[in-house]
N, C-alpha and C. Protein backbone atom coordinates (compact mmCIF):
# COMPACT_ATOMS: atom_id res chain seq x y z
N MET A 1 17.39 41.55 11.31
CA MET A 1 17.98 40.31 10.88
C MET A 1 17.15 39.75 9.74
N SER A 2 17.80 39.36 8.67
CA SER A 2 17.08 38.82 7.53
C SER A 2 16.97 37.30 7.66
N LYS A 3 15.88 36.79 7.10
CA LYS A 3 15.68 35.35 7.12
C LYS A 3 16.46 34.70 5.99
N LYS A 4 16.94 33.49 6.25
CA LYS A 4 17.62 32.73 5.20
C LYS A 4 16.55 32.21 4.24
N PRO A 5 16.89 32.15 2.95
CA PRO A 5 15.91 31.64 2.00
C PRO A 5 15.59 30.16 2.29
N ILE A 6 14.35 29.80 2.05
CA ILE A 6 13.91 28.42 2.26
C ILE A 6 14.40 27.58 1.09
N LYS A 7 15.08 26.50 1.40
CA LYS A 7 15.66 25.67 0.35
C LYS A 7 14.85 24.41 0.07
N SER A 8 14.02 24.00 1.01
CA SER A 8 13.20 22.81 0.78
C SER A 8 11.87 22.97 1.52
N GLU A 9 10.90 22.17 1.08
CA GLU A 9 9.58 22.23 1.72
C GLU A 9 9.65 21.83 3.19
N GLU A 10 10.63 21.02 3.56
CA GLU A 10 10.75 20.60 4.95
C GLU A 10 11.11 21.75 5.88
N GLU A 11 11.61 22.84 5.34
CA GLU A 11 11.92 24.02 6.13
C GLU A 11 10.70 24.90 6.37
N LEU A 12 9.62 24.66 5.63
CA LEU A 12 8.40 25.44 5.81
C LEU A 12 7.74 25.08 7.14
N GLU A 13 7.38 26.08 7.93
CA GLU A 13 6.70 25.82 9.20
C GLU A 13 5.41 25.04 9.00
N VAL A 14 4.68 25.35 7.94
CA VAL A 14 3.42 24.67 7.68
C VAL A 14 3.67 23.18 7.41
N TYR A 15 4.73 22.86 6.70
CA TYR A 15 5.06 21.45 6.45
C TYR A 15 5.39 20.75 7.76
N GLN A 16 6.21 21.38 8.58
CA GLN A 16 6.60 20.78 9.85
C GLN A 16 5.39 20.53 10.75
N LEU A 17 4.49 21.49 10.81
CA LEU A 17 3.29 21.33 11.63
C LEU A 17 2.38 20.25 11.07
N ALA A 18 2.15 20.28 9.76
CA ALA A 18 1.29 19.28 9.14
C ALA A 18 1.86 17.88 9.34
N TYR A 19 3.17 17.74 9.23
CA TYR A 19 3.81 16.44 9.43
C TYR A 19 3.62 15.97 10.88
N ALA A 20 3.82 16.88 11.82
CA ALA A 20 3.66 16.53 13.24
C ALA A 20 2.21 16.12 13.53
N VAL A 21 1.24 16.83 12.97
CA VAL A 21 -0.16 16.47 13.16
C VAL A 21 -0.44 15.10 12.57
N SER A 22 0.07 14.84 11.39
CA SER A 22 -0.13 13.54 10.74
C SER A 22 0.45 12.41 11.57
N MET A 23 1.64 12.62 12.11
CA MET A 23 2.26 11.57 12.93
C MET A 23 1.49 11.35 14.24
N GLU A 24 0.97 12.41 14.81
CA GLU A 24 0.17 12.25 16.03
C GLU A 24 -1.14 11.53 15.72
N ILE A 25 -1.73 11.84 14.59
CA ILE A 25 -2.94 11.12 14.17
C ILE A 25 -2.62 9.64 13.99
N PHE A 26 -1.48 9.34 13.38
CA PHE A 26 -1.08 7.95 13.21
C PHE A 26 -1.01 7.24 14.56
N GLU A 27 -0.36 7.88 15.53
CA GLU A 27 -0.24 7.27 16.85
C GLU A 27 -1.61 7.08 17.51
N GLU A 28 -2.46 8.09 17.41
CA GLU A 28 -3.80 7.99 18.02
C GLU A 28 -4.63 6.89 17.37
N THR A 29 -4.51 6.73 16.06
CA THR A 29 -5.35 5.75 15.36
C THR A 29 -4.93 4.32 15.65
N LYS A 30 -3.76 4.12 16.22
CA LYS A 30 -3.35 2.78 16.63
C LYS A 30 -4.32 2.23 17.69
N ASN A 31 -5.00 3.13 18.38
CA ASN A 31 -5.92 2.72 19.45
C ASN A 31 -7.38 2.67 19.00
N PHE A 32 -7.65 2.98 17.73
CA PHE A 32 -9.04 2.92 17.23
C PHE A 32 -9.51 1.48 17.18
N ASN A 33 -10.81 1.30 17.27
CA ASN A 33 -11.40 -0.04 17.17
C ASN A 33 -11.02 -0.66 15.83
N ARG A 34 -10.84 -1.98 15.86
CA ARG A 34 -10.47 -2.69 14.62
C ARG A 34 -11.56 -2.58 13.56
N ASP A 35 -12.82 -2.49 13.98
CA ASP A 35 -13.89 -2.40 12.97
C ASP A 35 -13.87 -1.07 12.22
N GLU A 36 -13.04 -0.13 12.65
CA GLU A 36 -12.87 1.14 11.94
C GLU A 36 -11.64 1.13 11.03
N LYS A 37 -10.95 0.01 10.95
CA LYS A 37 -9.70 -0.09 10.20
C LYS A 37 -9.81 0.41 8.76
N PHE A 38 -10.83 -0.02 8.04
CA PHE A 38 -10.92 0.31 6.63
C PHE A 38 -11.76 1.53 6.33
N SER A 39 -12.29 2.15 7.33
CA SER A 39 -13.05 3.37 7.09
C SER A 39 -12.36 4.54 7.78
N LEU A 40 -12.63 4.73 9.02
CA LEU A 40 -12.12 5.90 9.73
C LEU A 40 -10.59 5.92 9.82
N THR A 41 -10.00 4.83 10.24
CA THR A 41 -8.55 4.80 10.45
C THR A 41 -7.80 5.09 9.15
N ASP A 42 -8.11 4.34 8.10
CA ASP A 42 -7.40 4.54 6.83
C ASP A 42 -7.65 5.93 6.25
N GLN A 43 -8.87 6.41 6.35
CA GLN A 43 -9.21 7.70 5.75
C GLN A 43 -8.51 8.86 6.45
N ILE A 44 -8.50 8.85 7.77
CA ILE A 44 -7.88 9.97 8.49
C ILE A 44 -6.37 9.95 8.33
N ARG A 45 -5.80 8.76 8.28
CA ARG A 45 -4.35 8.67 8.04
C ARG A 45 -4.03 9.17 6.63
N ARG A 46 -4.80 8.74 5.64
CA ARG A 46 -4.54 9.12 4.25
C ARG A 46 -4.65 10.63 4.06
N SER A 47 -5.75 11.22 4.56
CA SER A 47 -5.95 12.66 4.33
C SER A 47 -4.90 13.50 5.07
N SER A 48 -4.53 13.10 6.28
CA SER A 48 -3.53 13.89 7.01
C SER A 48 -2.16 13.80 6.35
N ARG A 49 -1.82 12.64 5.81
CA ARG A 49 -0.55 12.49 5.10
C ARG A 49 -0.58 13.24 3.77
N ALA A 50 -1.73 13.28 3.14
CA ALA A 50 -1.86 13.95 1.84
C ALA A 50 -1.59 15.45 1.95
N VAL A 51 -1.80 16.04 3.12
CA VAL A 51 -1.47 17.47 3.29
C VAL A 51 0.02 17.66 3.02
N CYS A 52 0.84 16.83 3.63
CA CYS A 52 2.30 16.92 3.45
C CYS A 52 2.71 16.58 2.02
N VAL A 53 2.11 15.55 1.47
CA VAL A 53 2.44 15.13 0.10
C VAL A 53 2.13 16.26 -0.88
N ASN A 54 0.97 16.89 -0.73
CA ASN A 54 0.61 17.99 -1.63
C ASN A 54 1.50 19.21 -1.42
N LEU A 55 1.95 19.45 -0.20
CA LEU A 55 2.90 20.54 0.03
C LEU A 55 4.22 20.27 -0.68
N ARG A 56 4.68 19.03 -0.63
CA ARG A 56 5.91 18.68 -1.35
C ARG A 56 5.74 18.88 -2.85
N GLU A 57 4.59 18.44 -3.37
CA GLU A 57 4.33 18.61 -4.80
C GLU A 57 4.23 20.09 -5.16
N ALA A 58 3.60 20.88 -4.31
CA ALA A 58 3.51 22.32 -4.56
C ALA A 58 4.90 22.93 -4.62
N TRP A 59 5.74 22.55 -3.67
CA TRP A 59 7.10 23.10 -3.64
C TRP A 59 7.85 22.74 -4.91
N ALA A 60 7.68 21.50 -5.37
CA ALA A 60 8.36 21.07 -6.59
C ALA A 60 7.87 21.81 -7.83
N LYS A 61 6.65 22.34 -7.77
CA LYS A 61 6.05 23.02 -8.93
C LYS A 61 6.04 24.54 -8.77
N ARG A 62 6.78 25.07 -7.84
CA ARG A 62 6.68 26.50 -7.54
C ARG A 62 7.21 27.40 -8.65
N ARG A 63 7.91 26.84 -9.64
CA ARG A 63 8.33 27.64 -10.81
C ARG A 63 7.13 28.09 -11.62
N TYR A 64 6.04 27.38 -11.45
CA TYR A 64 4.82 27.66 -12.19
C TYR A 64 3.73 28.04 -11.19
N PRO A 65 3.55 29.33 -10.94
CA PRO A 65 2.64 29.77 -9.87
C PRO A 65 1.24 29.14 -9.91
N ALA A 66 0.67 28.94 -11.09
CA ALA A 66 -0.67 28.33 -11.16
C ALA A 66 -0.64 26.89 -10.65
N HIS A 67 0.40 26.15 -10.98
CA HIS A 67 0.53 24.78 -10.49
C HIS A 67 0.79 24.77 -8.99
N PHE A 68 1.61 25.69 -8.53
CA PHE A 68 1.89 25.83 -7.10
C PHE A 68 0.60 26.05 -6.33
N VAL A 69 -0.20 27.00 -6.79
CA VAL A 69 -1.48 27.31 -6.13
C VAL A 69 -2.42 26.11 -6.19
N SER A 70 -2.45 25.42 -7.31
CA SER A 70 -3.31 24.25 -7.45
C SER A 70 -2.96 23.19 -6.39
N LYS A 71 -1.68 22.91 -6.21
CA LYS A 71 -1.28 21.89 -5.23
C LYS A 71 -1.50 22.39 -3.80
N LEU A 72 -1.31 23.69 -3.57
CA LEU A 72 -1.63 24.24 -2.24
C LEU A 72 -3.12 24.10 -1.95
N THR A 73 -3.94 24.31 -2.98
CA THR A 73 -5.39 24.15 -2.83
C THR A 73 -5.72 22.70 -2.49
N ASP A 74 -5.04 21.76 -3.13
CA ASP A 74 -5.23 20.35 -2.81
C ASP A 74 -4.83 20.07 -1.36
N ALA A 75 -3.72 20.63 -0.91
CA ALA A 75 -3.27 20.44 0.48
C ALA A 75 -4.32 20.99 1.45
N ASP A 76 -4.87 22.15 1.12
CA ASP A 76 -5.89 22.77 1.97
C ASP A 76 -7.16 21.90 2.01
N ALA A 77 -7.54 21.33 0.87
CA ALA A 77 -8.71 20.46 0.83
C ALA A 77 -8.49 19.20 1.66
N GLU A 78 -7.31 18.62 1.57
CA GLU A 78 -7.00 17.43 2.37
C GLU A 78 -6.99 17.76 3.86
N ASN A 79 -6.51 18.95 4.19
CA ASN A 79 -6.52 19.38 5.58
C ASN A 79 -7.96 19.52 6.09
N SER A 80 -8.84 20.07 5.26
CA SER A 80 -10.26 20.18 5.64
C SER A 80 -10.88 18.80 5.81
N GLU A 81 -10.51 17.87 4.93
CA GLU A 81 -11.01 16.50 5.06
C GLU A 81 -10.54 15.89 6.38
N THR A 82 -9.28 16.12 6.73
CA THR A 82 -8.75 15.61 7.99
C THR A 82 -9.56 16.15 9.17
N GLU A 83 -9.91 17.42 9.13
CA GLU A 83 -10.72 18.00 10.21
C GLU A 83 -12.07 17.30 10.32
N THR A 84 -12.67 16.96 9.20
CA THR A 84 -13.94 16.25 9.21
C THR A 84 -13.78 14.87 9.83
N TRP A 85 -12.72 14.15 9.44
CA TRP A 85 -12.48 12.82 10.01
C TRP A 85 -12.20 12.91 11.50
N LEU A 86 -11.53 13.98 11.95
CA LEU A 86 -11.31 14.16 13.38
C LEU A 86 -12.64 14.29 14.12
N CYS A 87 -13.58 14.99 13.51
CA CYS A 87 -14.91 15.12 14.13
C CYS A 87 -15.62 13.78 14.18
N PHE A 88 -15.53 13.00 13.10
CA PHE A 88 -16.12 11.66 13.12
C PHE A 88 -15.47 10.80 14.20
N ALA A 89 -14.15 10.89 14.32
CA ALA A 89 -13.44 10.08 15.32
C ALA A 89 -13.92 10.42 16.73
N LYS A 90 -14.13 11.68 17.00
CA LYS A 90 -14.65 12.09 18.32
C LYS A 90 -16.07 11.60 18.51
N ASP A 91 -16.92 11.84 17.52
CA ASP A 91 -18.34 11.49 17.64
C ASP A 91 -18.57 9.97 17.65
N CYS A 92 -17.63 9.21 17.11
CA CYS A 92 -17.73 7.74 17.13
C CYS A 92 -17.03 7.14 18.35
N GLY A 93 -16.56 8.01 19.24
CA GLY A 93 -15.94 7.53 20.48
C GLY A 93 -14.52 7.04 20.34
N GLN A 94 -13.85 7.38 19.25
CA GLN A 94 -12.48 6.93 19.03
C GLN A 94 -11.45 7.92 19.54
N LEU A 95 -11.82 9.20 19.64
CA LEU A 95 -10.94 10.24 20.18
C LEU A 95 -11.64 10.93 21.34
N SER A 96 -10.89 11.22 22.37
CA SER A 96 -11.46 11.99 23.48
C SER A 96 -11.74 13.42 23.01
N PRO A 97 -12.68 14.09 23.64
CA PRO A 97 -12.93 15.48 23.26
C PRO A 97 -11.67 16.35 23.39
N GLU A 98 -10.83 16.07 24.37
CA GLU A 98 -9.62 16.85 24.57
C GLU A 98 -8.63 16.62 23.43
N LYS A 99 -8.43 15.35 23.07
CA LYS A 99 -7.50 15.04 21.98
C LYS A 99 -8.03 15.58 20.65
N HIS A 100 -9.35 15.46 20.45
CA HIS A 100 -9.97 16.02 19.25
C HIS A 100 -9.69 17.52 19.17
N SER A 101 -9.93 18.22 20.27
CA SER A 101 -9.75 19.67 20.30
C SER A 101 -8.30 20.04 19.98
N GLU A 102 -7.36 19.31 20.57
CA GLU A 102 -5.94 19.58 20.34
C GLU A 102 -5.58 19.38 18.87
N LEU A 103 -5.95 18.24 18.31
CA LEU A 103 -5.61 17.95 16.91
C LEU A 103 -6.36 18.87 15.95
N PHE A 104 -7.62 19.14 16.25
CA PHE A 104 -8.43 20.00 15.40
C PHE A 104 -7.84 21.41 15.37
N ASP A 105 -7.46 21.92 16.53
CA ASP A 105 -6.88 23.27 16.60
C ASP A 105 -5.57 23.35 15.81
N ARG A 106 -4.74 22.32 15.91
CA ARG A 106 -3.49 22.32 15.17
C ARG A 106 -3.75 22.19 13.67
N SER A 107 -4.76 21.42 13.30
CA SER A 107 -5.13 21.31 11.90
C SER A 107 -5.64 22.66 11.38
N ARG A 108 -6.41 23.35 12.19
CA ARG A 108 -6.88 24.69 11.80
C ARG A 108 -5.71 25.64 11.60
N GLN A 109 -4.68 25.50 12.45
CA GLN A 109 -3.49 26.34 12.29
C GLN A 109 -2.82 26.04 10.94
N VAL A 110 -2.74 24.77 10.57
CA VAL A 110 -2.20 24.40 9.25
C VAL A 110 -3.03 25.08 8.17
N GLY A 111 -4.35 25.04 8.31
CA GLY A 111 -5.23 25.66 7.33
C GLY A 111 -5.00 27.17 7.21
N ARG A 112 -4.81 27.83 8.33
CA ARG A 112 -4.53 29.27 8.29
C ARG A 112 -3.20 29.55 7.58
N MET A 113 -2.21 28.71 7.84
CA MET A 113 -0.91 28.90 7.19
C MET A 113 -1.01 28.66 5.68
N LEU A 114 -1.75 27.62 5.31
CA LEU A 114 -1.96 27.37 3.88
C LEU A 114 -2.72 28.54 3.24
N GLY A 115 -3.70 29.06 3.95
CA GLY A 115 -4.45 30.22 3.46
C GLY A 115 -3.54 31.41 3.20
N GLY A 116 -2.59 31.63 4.09
CA GLY A 116 -1.63 32.72 3.90
C GLY A 116 -0.77 32.51 2.67
N MET A 117 -0.37 31.26 2.44
CA MET A 117 0.42 30.96 1.24
C MET A 117 -0.42 31.15 -0.01
N LEU A 118 -1.70 30.77 0.06
CA LEU A 118 -2.58 30.91 -1.10
C LEU A 118 -2.87 32.38 -1.41
N ARG A 119 -2.91 33.22 -0.38
CA ARG A 119 -3.15 34.65 -0.60
C ARG A 119 -1.93 35.36 -1.19
N ASN A 120 -0.75 34.82 -0.96
CA ASN A 120 0.47 35.48 -1.44
C ASN A 120 1.48 34.44 -1.94
N PRO A 121 1.13 33.69 -2.97
CA PRO A 121 2.01 32.60 -3.42
C PRO A 121 3.33 33.08 -4.02
N LYS A 122 3.36 34.29 -4.54
CA LYS A 122 4.56 34.74 -5.26
C LYS A 122 5.80 34.83 -4.38
N ILE A 123 5.62 35.01 -3.08
CA ILE A 123 6.81 35.08 -2.22
C ILE A 123 7.50 33.73 -2.11
N PHE A 124 6.80 32.66 -2.46
CA PHE A 124 7.38 31.31 -2.40
C PHE A 124 7.88 30.85 -3.77
N CYS A 125 7.51 31.56 -4.82
CA CYS A 125 7.87 31.15 -6.18
C CYS A 125 9.10 31.93 -6.64
N PRO A 126 10.04 31.24 -7.29
CA PRO A 126 11.21 31.95 -7.80
C PRO A 126 10.79 32.89 -8.92
N PRO A 127 11.57 33.93 -9.15
CA PRO A 127 11.21 34.86 -10.23
C PRO A 127 11.20 34.14 -11.57
N ALA A 128 10.28 34.56 -12.40
CA ALA A 128 10.19 33.99 -13.75
C ALA A 128 11.41 34.40 -14.54
N THR A 129 11.88 33.49 -15.35
CA THR A 129 13.02 33.80 -16.21
C THR A 129 12.56 33.78 -17.65
N ASP A 130 13.16 34.62 -18.43
CA ASP A 130 12.83 34.69 -19.84
C ASP A 130 13.59 33.58 -20.55
N THR A 131 12.86 32.62 -21.09
CA THR A 131 13.49 31.47 -21.73
C THR A 131 13.66 31.66 -23.23
N ARG A 132 13.22 32.82 -23.75
CA ARG A 132 13.38 33.06 -25.19
C ARG A 132 14.83 33.33 -25.51
N SER A 133 15.26 32.87 -26.65
CA SER A 133 16.63 33.18 -27.06
C SER A 133 16.64 34.61 -27.61
N PRO A 134 17.80 35.29 -27.56
CA PRO A 134 17.88 36.65 -28.06
C PRO A 134 17.44 36.80 -29.50
N ALA A 135 17.65 35.79 -30.31
CA ALA A 135 17.29 35.86 -31.74
C ALA A 135 15.78 35.89 -31.94
N SER A 136 15.02 35.40 -30.96
CA SER A 136 13.57 35.35 -31.14
C SER A 136 12.89 36.69 -30.86
N ASP A 137 13.65 37.70 -30.43
CA ASP A 137 13.07 39.00 -30.14
C ASP A 137 12.72 39.77 -31.40
N SER A 138 13.29 39.42 -32.52
CA SER A 138 13.06 40.20 -33.74
C SER A 138 11.82 39.77 -34.48
């Protein structure tokens, strides 16, 4: 059975997982101490959401493989930042070790999926088209 072509970034498994992780982080951070509002809470929410935002930007730029890879690299960096903030949240007593482990493991899965895309970006990029006019060949 052949797979249907992916028509939008929302169909990517990595996007769906990253979005779910971001939403779960949002829910968990509602319970963080108020004194963490402008440091830990805002930072972990921002970085986890940025994974999805950068995936959308990568998808929009996939006609240009170098730009696609650049935005995927940004998504991977934001995902790594999210993992760091998850560790801070656990060590600062804002996340239980169990919840940290669950979110961290899912974030690592996002990272592995992004790594796979970075190793083989061409399968996600449409074929290059020759934009030269026939007259310019001479």
